[in-house]
């Protein structure tokens, strides 16, 4: 099966990338639109997509 170390490394890299890119993108979008509404809606949409992508993984783990 997949290596837990590799999975943890990938999650850490993705989190770190998001911590760098997210504020930069949000600032750029907020500056372009004059409001933090658009970056907030975008962040919410990304969160929903992430949840939807994780649902099959969680269902597989529950089945054993």
C-alpha atoms as a PDB file:
ATOM      1  CA  UNK A   1       0.000   0.000   0.000  1.00  0.00           C
ATOM      2  CA  UNK A   2       0.921   3.658  -0.009  1.00  0.00           C
ATOM      3  CA  UNK A   3       3.667   4.732   2.358  1.00  0.00           C
ATOM      4  CA  UNK A   4       2.399   6.812   5.314  1.00  0.00           C
ATOM      5  CA  UNK A   5       5.639   8.796   5.238  1.00  0.00           C
ATOM      6  CA  UNK A   6       5.183   9.668   1.589  1.00  0.00           C
ATOM      7  CA  UNK A   7       1.547  10.658   2.161  1.00  0.00           C
ATOM      8  CA  UNK A   8       2.521  12.858   5.108  1.00  0.00           C
ATOM      9  CA  UNK A   9       5.309  14.477   3.071  1.00  0.00           C
ATOM     10  CA  UNK A  10       2.891  15.211   0.236  1.00  0.00           C
ATOM     11  CA  UNK A  11       0.337  16.723   2.632  1.00  0.00           C
ATOM     12  CA  UNK A  12       3.037  18.870   4.243  1.00  0.00           C
ATOM     13  CA  UNK A  13       4.267  20.093   0.850  1.00  0.00           C
ATOM     14  CA  UNK A  14       0.719  20.898  -0.284  1.00  0.00           C
ATOM     15  CA  UNK A  15      -0.013  22.746   2.959  1.00  0.00           C
ATOM     16  CA  UNK A  16       3.205  24.759   2.693  1.00  0.00           C
ATOM     17  CA  UNK A  17       2.504  25.641  -0.931  1.00  0.00           C
ATOM     18  CA  UNK A  18      -0.977  26.814   0.013  1.00  0.00           C
ATOM     19  CA  UNK A  19       0.426  28.910   2.856  1.00  0.00           C
ATOM     20  CA  UNK A  20       2.687  30.712   0.384  1.00  0.00           C
ATOM     21  CA  UNK A  21       0.459  30.960  -2.688  1.00  0.00           C
ATOM     22  CA  UNK A  22      -2.876  31.559  -0.920  1.00  0.00           C
ATOM     23  CA  UNK A  23      -2.139  34.953   0.650  1.00  0.00           C
ATOM     24  CA  UNK A  24      -0.343  36.154  -2.482  1.00  0.00           C
ATOM     25  CA  UNK A  25      -3.278  35.188  -4.701  1.00  0.00           C
ATOM     26  CA  UNK A  26      -5.826  36.585  -2.240  1.00  0.00           C
ATOM     27  CA  UNK A  27      -3.955  39.883  -2.045  1.00  0.00           C
ATOM     28  CA  UNK A  28      -3.723  40.147  -5.812  1.00  0.00           C
ATOM     29  CA  UNK A  29      -7.440  39.357  -6.256  1.00  0.00           C
ATOM     30  CA  UNK A  30      -8.436  41.742  -3.447  1.00  0.00           C
ATOM     31  CA  UNK A  31      -6.349  44.498  -4.993  1.00  0.00           C
ATOM     32  CA  UNK A  32      -7.867  43.880  -8.427  1.00  0.00           C
ATOM     33  CA  UNK A  33     -11.456  43.807  -7.137  1.00  0.00           C
ATOM     34  CA  UNK A  34     -11.129  46.309  -4.288  1.00  0.00           C
ATOM     35  CA  UNK A  35     -12.638  43.845  -1.819  1.00  0.00           C
ATOM     36  CA  UNK A  36     -11.836  40.652   0.045  1.00  0.00           C
ATOM     37  CA  UNK A  37     -15.177  39.132  -0.973  1.00  0.00           C
ATOM     38  CA  UNK A  38     -13.864  37.433  -4.122  1.00  0.00           C
ATOM     39  CA  UNK A  39     -10.812  35.854  -2.451  1.00  0.00           C
ATOM     40  CA  UNK A  40     -12.999  34.675   0.435  1.00  0.00           C
ATOM     41  CA  UNK A  41     -15.518  33.091  -1.940  1.00  0.00           C
ATOM     42  CA  UNK A  42     -12.677  31.479  -3.898  1.00  0.00           C
ATOM     43  CA  UNK A  43     -11.117  30.091  -0.709  1.00  0.00           C
ATOM     44  CA  UNK A  44     -14.509  28.691   0.305  1.00  0.00           C
ATOM     45  CA  UNK A  45     -14.955  27.080  -3.107  1.00  0.00           C
ATOM     46  CA  UNK A  46     -11.503  25.474  -2.904  1.00  0.00           C
ATOM     47  CA  UNK A  47     -12.387  24.124   0.542  1.00  0.00           C
ATOM     48  CA  UNK A  48     -15.634  22.604  -0.762  1.00  0.00           C
ATOM     49  CA  UNK A  49     -13.798  21.007  -3.705  1.00  0.00           C
ATOM     50  CA  UNK A  50     -11.220  19.577  -1.285  1.00  0.00           C
ATOM     51  CA  UNK A  51     -13.977  18.063   0.841  1.00  0.00           C
ATOM     52  CA  UNK A  52     -15.639  16.547  -2.225  1.00  0.00           C
ATOM     53  CA  UNK A  53     -12.325  15.057  -3.359  1.00  0.00           C
ATOM     54  CA  UNK A  54     -11.793  13.490   0.073  1.00  0.00           C
ATOM     55  CA  UNK A  55     -15.236  11.864   0.342  1.00  0.00           C
ATOM     56  CA  UNK A  56     -14.325   8.793  -1.774  1.00  0.00           C
ATOM     57  CA  UNK A  57     -11.127   8.315   0.239  1.00  0.00           C
ATOM     58  CA  UNK A  58     -13.028   8.463   3.520  1.00  0.00           C
ATOM     59  CA  UNK A  59     -15.684   6.067   2.230  1.00  0.00           C
ATOM     60  CA  UNK A  60     -12.992   3.578   1.187  1.00  0.00           C
ATOM     61  CA  UNK A  61     -11.342   3.776   4.615  1.00  0.00           C
ATOM     62  CA  UNK A  62     -14.666   3.201   6.390  1.00  0.00           C
ATOM     63  CA  UNK A  63     -15.308   0.031   4.397  1.00  0.00           C
ATOM     64  CA  UNK A  64     -12.020  -1.289   5.638  1.00  0.00           C
END
